[in-house]
Structures are given as C-alpha cells and as structure tokens.
Amino acid sequence: MAAGKEIRGKIKSVENTKKITKAMEMVAASKMRKAQDRMRAARPYSEKIRNIAANLGQAHPDYTHPFMKMNDAKAVGIIVVTTDKGLCGGMNTNVLRAVTTKLRELQGAGMGTEAVAVGNKGLGFLNRVGAKVVSHVTGLGDTPHLDKLIGPVKVLLDAYAEGKISAVYLSYTKFINTMKQESVVEQLLPLSSAQMQADKTEHGWDYIYEPDAQSVIDDLLVRYVESLIYQAVAENMASEQSARMVAMKAATDNAGSVIGELKLVYNKTRQAAITKELSEIVSGAAAISG
C-alpha cells in the first residue's frame, strides 16, 4: 500500500507544520500585547513635547525653526519603515506599494529622492528599485531604541535644515486594531501649522529659559520629530505582531483543513485496498471450491 504510506507521510508533515504555525501564533500574540503597550506609552510624551513647543512658538513669533520653513530644493527625503522578518501577511507589500506610488509621483514632478530604510525588507526593496539610500538601520528586534534610530534619521533631518531637500516623508504601517493595519505616507517635514497648534487653555503660558528661548525651541522641535519617528516604528512593530498573529492563525486553520482532506483520501485509499483484497480472497476461495 505505497500510496497509503505516502499520504501518511504528508499528513505527518502537515501536522508538524501546524504545530510550528500554532506556536508562532501564540508567540506573536504575546509580543503584540507588549508592542501595543509600548506604542500607547509613547503617545503622551510626543503630545506633551508638541504642546510645549507650540506654546513656545506662539510666545516667540519672531523666531521660526528651520523645520517649519519651506525649502525650494529639487529633492525630497523619505523614511521607509518596514519589518526585519517576513511571515506577516501582506503588511510589507502594502506599505512598499504606497512607497512606490509616492516615488513615481515625485519622479513625475521632477524631484530627486533620498531614502532612509528602517527594517531589512524596506532596505532590500529600495536597493532593488535603485533608490538612493543615504542610511539604514536593521535588526531593531522587538523593542525599538531611539538611540539606534537617531543616527540614520539625522542624515535627512540635517539635510532639510540645510535646505538640501524640500520635504521629508514618513512611510509606515499604522496600527488601527488587531485585525486592521493601514499603510500611510505622511509628511514629516516641514511641520505644518496644524501640527504645531497649541491646545487652547484659559490662561497663557510663560517659561523661564535656560540658556535662551531659541535654543530651547530648537532642541524641543528636534525631540518632537524624533518622537514622531519613534512612534511610527512602535506602531509598525505593533502592526507586525498583529499581522503575524493573524497570518499564523490562518496558516494553522489551513493546515487543519489540509489534514482533514488528506485523512479522507487516506481512508478512501485504505478502504479500496481492503475491498480489493477481500475480492481477491473471495475469488480465490470460489476458484478452489469450484
């Protein structure tokens, strides 16, 4: 019964695959909760920095930070945030498709592009399409660290402050909920007036500056932009674990369906072999008795 042995081997193989995907699903679910907590914990920090910087900007309207000025350069920068690993459904494909659309739009407008890749998948994609990658960071692990992100991203921030590029875009996967993630391409620089709108309060704000107001505003806006990038990476990691959990659950369910179908085929093959053997025994007995 060679066919039955082959089917049993396939069933065993799919069962082993099912165990692996089930384990990966459980690991992703555990990491997802931690990633979501990390993502939510970062939001109040960036919001507080934005509010203080906006109040300082209103208190000193005579000074405008370079991050809030428009440049006329014929080049733009784009930060592409993806994952280091795969097996997370179509998450990376969706965000890279959005990046491709943006790159074509910029090329159609006669603009050059400089890219920073955060994540191994995005780096490989940018190299394949021939984009100019000025810096990159990979191997962030499950916990993003701002000190690893500052160096590569600072290349584009300094280029914008020097007027070498006219805008900086940030592309990542935004976490909506466990079952839904959205690929976005947002303008990071220049900071819009809507972003830097201070919360309305009944009283005015006044600060004591050390060493001076301009230095404080400069540092705060740099920290604010860095916090936006960190938040994007944190949301991308939460989206990655959610997408991986859903993908592994679908793979586990599909493996169960394949096992069911293989067992049905195996039983049919086994029954056919038994029926054939019985027929041969009955025919032989009839031939001997006759």
Protein backbone atom coordinates (compact mmCIF):
# COMPACT_ATOMS: atom_id res chain seq x y z
CA MET A 1 0.00 0.00 0.00
CA ALA A 2 2.59 2.50 -1.21
CA ALA A 3 0.01 5.24 -1.83
CA GLY A 4 -1.27 4.99 1.74
CA LYS A 5 2.27 5.27 3.15
CA GLU A 6 2.92 8.38 1.05
CA ILE A 7 -0.31 10.00 2.28
CA ARG A 8 0.58 9.19 5.90
CA GLY A 9 3.92 10.93 5.35
CA LYS A 10 2.16 14.03 4.00
CA ILE A 11 -0.25 14.05 6.96
CA LYS A 12 2.68 13.88 9.40
CA SER A 13 4.46 16.69 7.58
CA VAL A 14 1.41 18.99 7.63
CA GLU A 15 0.81 18.18 11.32
CA ASN A 16 4.37 19.27 12.12
CA THR A 17 3.81 22.48 10.13
CA LYS A 18 0.59 23.09 12.05
CA LYS A 19 2.43 22.79 15.36
CA ILE A 20 5.01 25.35 14.21
CA THR A 21 2.42 27.88 12.98
CA LYS A 22 0.39 27.45 16.18
CA ALA A 23 3.46 28.15 18.29
CA MET A 24 4.32 31.20 16.17
CA GLU A 25 0.75 32.45 16.55
CA MET A 26 0.98 32.26 20.34
CA VAL A 27 4.39 33.97 20.39
CA ALA A 28 3.10 36.77 18.13
CA ALA A 29 0.04 37.25 20.37
CA SER A 30 2.28 37.66 23.41
CA LYS A 31 4.61 40.11 21.63
CA MET A 32 1.65 42.00 20.21
CA ARG A 33 0.33 42.93 23.65
CA LYS A 34 3.74 44.23 24.71
CA ALA A 35 4.14 46.17 21.45
CA GLN A 36 0.72 47.77 21.86
CA ASP A 37 1.53 48.83 25.42
CA ARG A 38 4.84 50.32 24.23
CA MET A 39 3.08 52.14 21.39
CA ARG A 40 0.43 53.67 23.69
CA ALA A 41 3.03 54.64 26.29
CA ALA A 42 4.93 56.74 23.72
CA ARG A 43 1.94 58.87 22.73
CA PRO A 44 1.69 61.16 25.83
CA TYR A 45 5.41 62.04 25.56
CA SER A 46 5.22 63.24 21.95
CA GLU A 47 1.94 65.07 22.63
CA LYS A 48 3.44 66.94 25.60
CA ILE A 49 6.52 67.96 23.63
CA ARG A 50 4.33 69.16 20.76
CA ASN A 51 2.19 71.23 23.13
CA ILE A 52 5.16 72.88 24.85
CA ALA A 53 6.88 73.61 21.52
CA ALA A 54 3.66 75.11 20.15
CA ASN A 55 3.29 77.37 23.21
CA LEU A 56 6.91 78.46 22.90
CA GLY A 57 6.40 79.20 19.21
CA GLN A 58 3.40 81.40 19.99
CA ALA A 59 5.32 83.18 22.74
CA HIS A 60 8.15 83.95 20.29
CA PRO A 61 6.58 84.52 16.85
CA ASP A 62 9.69 86.38 15.67
CA TYR A 63 11.69 83.12 15.50
CA THR A 64 10.88 80.28 13.09
CA HIS A 65 12.68 76.96 13.37
CA PRO A 66 14.12 75.52 10.10
CA PHE A 67 11.78 72.52 10.48
CA MET A 68 8.82 74.87 9.96
CA LYS A 69 10.23 76.68 6.92
CA MET A 70 9.57 75.72 3.29
CA ASN A 71 12.56 74.89 1.08
CA ASP A 72 12.81 75.13 -2.71
CA ALA A 73 15.24 72.23 -3.21
CA LYS A 74 14.59 69.78 -6.06
CA ALA A 75 14.86 66.73 -3.84
CA VAL A 76 12.85 65.15 -1.05
CA GLY A 77 13.60 62.57 1.61
CA ILE A 78 11.53 59.55 2.55
CA ILE A 79 11.84 57.31 5.62
CA VAL A 80 10.59 53.78 4.88
CA VAL A 81 9.69 51.76 7.99
CA THR A 82 9.25 48.01 7.43
CA THR A 83 9.97 44.78 9.31
CA ASP A 84 13.18 42.78 9.51
CA LYS A 85 11.37 39.44 9.16
CA GLY A 86 8.58 38.10 6.99
CA LEU A 87 5.61 35.81 7.69
CA CYS A 88 3.36 38.77 8.47
CA GLY A 89 0.89 38.60 5.60
CA GLY A 90 0.74 41.46 3.10
CA MET A 91 1.85 44.14 5.56
CA ASN A 92 5.23 44.94 3.97
CA THR A 93 3.81 44.57 0.47
CA ASN A 94 1.12 47.18 1.19
CA VAL A 95 3.47 49.78 2.64
CA LEU A 96 6.05 49.28 -0.14
CA ARG A 97 3.30 49.64 -2.73
CA ALA A 98 2.42 53.01 -1.16
CA VAL A 99 6.11 53.99 -1.24
CA THR A 100 6.33 53.02 -4.92
CA THR A 101 3.33 55.21 -5.73
CA LYS A 102 4.91 58.15 -3.86
CA LEU A 103 8.27 57.69 -5.60
CA ARG A 104 6.61 57.67 -9.03
CA GLU A 105 4.65 60.79 -8.11
CA LEU A 106 7.84 62.60 -7.05
CA GLN A 107 9.73 61.47 -10.15
CA GLY A 108 6.87 62.69 -12.32
CA ALA A 109 7.22 66.10 -10.68
CA GLY A 110 10.95 66.15 -11.47
CA MET A 111 12.05 65.68 -7.85
CA GLY A 112 15.00 63.60 -6.73
CA THR A 113 14.68 61.30 -3.73
CA GLU A 114 16.88 60.29 -0.82
CA ALA A 115 15.73 57.38 1.32
CA VAL A 116 16.35 56.06 4.81
CA ALA A 117 15.41 52.41 5.37
CA VAL A 118 14.28 51.20 8.78
CA GLY A 119 13.98 47.43 8.54
CA ASN A 120 15.55 44.78 6.33
CA LYS A 121 12.55 44.38 3.98
CA GLY A 122 12.47 48.07 3.10
CA LEU A 123 16.25 48.17 2.57
CA GLY A 124 16.10 45.26 0.14
CA PHE A 125 13.21 46.86 -1.76
CA LEU A 126 14.90 50.27 -2.08
CA ASN A 127 18.09 48.64 -3.36
CA ARG A 128 16.12 46.64 -5.94
CA VAL A 129 14.31 49.70 -7.33
CA GLY A 130 17.55 51.68 -7.48
CA ALA A 131 16.61 54.33 -4.92
CA LYS A 132 19.33 56.43 -3.32
CA VAL A 133 19.66 55.02 0.21
CA VAL A 134 21.64 57.52 2.31
CA SER A 135 21.43 55.48 5.54
CA HIS A 136 19.66 52.50 7.04
CA VAL A 137 19.12 50.62 10.29
CA THR A 138 18.18 46.95 10.64
CA GLY A 139 17.99 44.41 13.44
CA LEU A 140 15.95 46.55 15.84
CA GLY A 141 14.49 43.44 17.47
CA ASP A 142 11.17 43.52 19.31
CA THR A 143 11.88 46.78 21.17
CA PRO A 144 12.72 50.00 19.26
CA HIS A 145 15.54 52.07 20.75
CA LEU A 146 15.69 55.77 19.96
CA ASP A 147 19.49 55.83 20.10
CA LYS A 148 19.60 53.37 17.17
CA LEU A 149 17.13 55.44 15.14
CA ILE A 150 18.60 58.90 15.69
CA GLY A 151 21.81 58.38 13.68
CA PRO A 152 20.32 57.16 10.37
CA VAL A 153 17.35 59.55 10.50
CA LYS A 154 19.51 62.57 11.41
CA VAL A 155 21.00 62.45 7.92
CA LEU A 156 17.68 63.56 6.41
CA LEU A 157 16.85 65.98 9.25
CA ASP A 158 20.19 67.77 8.82
CA ALA A 159 19.76 67.83 5.04
CA TYR A 160 16.36 69.51 5.45
CA ALA A 161 17.68 72.04 7.98
CA GLU A 162 20.46 72.92 5.50
CA GLY A 163 17.93 73.38 2.68
CA LYS A 164 19.19 70.45 0.57
CA ILE A 165 15.76 68.77 0.44
CA SER A 166 12.33 70.37 0.33
CA ALA A 167 10.35 67.81 2.36
CA VAL A 168 10.66 64.63 4.39
CA TYR A 169 8.00 61.90 4.23
CA LEU A 170 7.47 59.08 6.69
CA SER A 171 6.05 55.78 5.46
CA TYR A 172 4.96 53.07 7.90
CA THR A 173 2.08 50.77 8.83
CA LYS A 174 -0.33 52.46 11.23
CA PHE A 175 -1.91 50.28 13.90
CA ILE A 176 -5.73 50.56 13.89
CA ASN A 177 -6.68 47.40 15.76
CA THR A 178 -5.66 43.76 15.93
CA MET A 179 -7.41 42.89 12.66
CA LYS A 180 -6.68 46.09 10.74
CA GLN A 181 -3.49 47.94 9.89
CA GLU A 182 -3.19 50.84 7.47
CA SER A 183 -0.22 51.75 5.26
CA VAL A 184 0.39 55.51 5.33
CA VAL A 185 2.82 58.00 3.79
CA GLU A 186 2.78 61.16 5.90
CA GLN A 187 4.66 64.45 5.57
CA LEU A 188 7.11 64.74 8.46
CA LEU A 189 8.82 67.98 7.45
CA PRO A 190 8.08 70.83 7.15
CA LEU A 191 5.93 70.76 10.28
CA SER A 192 2.50 72.12 9.46
CA SER A 193 0.81 74.88 11.44
CA ALA A 194 -1.96 72.42 12.31
CA GLN A 195 0.59 70.10 13.94
CA MET A 196 2.09 72.93 15.95
CA GLN A 197 -1.26 74.34 17.11
CA ALA A 198 -1.21 74.71 20.89
CA ASP A 199 -4.06 73.36 22.98
CA LYS A 200 -6.47 76.13 23.92
CA THR A 201 -6.42 76.99 27.63
CA GLU A 202 -7.95 79.74 29.72
CA HIS A 203 -4.55 81.02 30.82
CA GLY A 204 -1.37 81.94 29.00
CA TRP A 205 1.95 80.10 29.23
CA ASP A 206 5.20 81.67 30.37
CA TYR A 207 8.56 79.95 30.78
CA ILE A 208 11.97 80.65 32.25
CA TYR A 209 14.53 79.78 29.57
CA GLU A 210 17.99 78.37 30.13
CA PRO A 211 20.12 79.27 28.22
CA ASP A 212 17.68 81.09 25.87
CA ALA A 213 14.32 80.62 24.13
CA GLN A 214 15.80 79.87 20.69
CA SER A 215 17.98 77.02 21.99
CA VAL A 216 15.07 75.51 23.89
CA ILE A 217 12.77 75.65 20.85
CA ASP A 218 15.47 74.12 18.64
CA ASP A 219 16.03 71.18 20.98
CA LEU A 220 12.31 70.65 21.60
CA LEU A 221 11.40 70.51 17.91
CA VAL A 222 14.21 68.05 17.19
CA ARG A 223 12.96 65.88 20.07
CA TYR A 224 9.41 66.18 18.74
CA VAL A 225 10.37 65.00 15.25
CA GLU A 226 12.39 62.15 16.75
CA SER A 227 9.41 61.16 18.90
CA LEU A 228 7.19 61.07 15.76
CA ILE A 229 9.66 58.69 14.10
CA TYR A 230 9.87 56.53 17.23
CA GLN A 231 6.07 56.44 17.41
CA ALA A 232 5.90 55.33 13.76
CA VAL A 233 8.40 52.50 14.42
CA ALA A 234 6.48 51.45 17.55
CA GLU A 235 3.19 51.39 15.61
CA ASN A 236 4.86 49.42 12.81
CA MET A 237 6.08 46.82 15.32
CA ALA A 238 2.62 46.51 16.87
CA SER A 239 1.17 46.10 13.37
CA GLU A 240 3.83 43.49 12.55
CA GLN A 241 2.94 41.27 15.51
CA SER A 242 -0.80 41.65 14.85
CA ALA A 243 -0.37 40.79 11.16
CA ARG A 244 1.88 37.84 12.02
CA MET A 245 -0.62 36.51 14.57
CA VAL A 246 -3.46 36.70 12.04
CA ALA A 247 -1.31 35.14 9.29
CA MET A 248 -0.18 32.27 11.51
CA LYS A 249 -3.76 31.63 12.67
CA ALA A 250 -4.86 31.44 9.03
CA ALA A 251 -1.96 29.08 8.28
CA THR A 252 -2.90 26.88 11.25
CA ASP A 253 -6.53 26.73 10.12
CA ASN A 254 -5.47 25.90 6.56
CA ALA A 255 -3.18 23.15 7.83
CA GLY A 256 -6.11 21.66 9.74
CA SER A 257 -8.20 21.68 6.57
CA VAL A 258 -5.42 20.05 4.55
CA ILE A 259 -5.00 17.35 7.23
CA GLY A 260 -8.75 16.63 7.11
CA GLU A 261 -8.69 16.28 3.33
CA LEU A 262 -5.60 14.05 3.41
CA LYS A 263 -7.14 11.81 6.05
CA LEU A 264 -10.26 11.47 3.90
CA VAL A 265 -8.14 10.50 0.87
CA TYR A 266 -6.13 8.08 3.03
CA ASN A 267 -9.28 6.39 4.35
CA LYS A 268 -10.70 6.04 0.84
CA THR A 269 -7.43 4.55 -0.42
CA ARG A 270 -7.27 2.17 2.55
CA GLN A 271 -10.89 1.07 2.07
CA ALA A 272 -10.28 0.48 -1.63
CA ALA A 273 -7.23 -1.66 -0.83
CA ILE A 274 -9.21 -3.70 1.73
CA THR A 275 -12.08 -4.18 -0.73
CA LYS A 276 -9.61 -5.32 -3.39
CA GLU A 277 -8.02 -7.84 -1.03
CA LEU A 278 -11.42 -9.21 0.03
CA SER A 279 -12.43 -9.58 -3.61
CA GLU A 280 -9.22 -11.50 -4.36
CA ILE A 281 -9.78 -13.78 -1.34
CA VAL A 282 -13.40 -14.45 -2.31
CA SER A 283 -12.40 -15.12 -5.95
CA GLY A 284 -9.63 -17.48 -4.88
CA ALA A 285 -11.93 -19.35 -2.47
CA ALA A 286 -14.56 -19.66 -5.21
CA ALA A 287 -11.98 -20.99 -7.67
CA ILE A 288 -10.75 -23.63 -5.19
CA SER A 289 -14.24 -24.77 -4.19
CA GLY A 290 -15.39 -24.84 -7.80
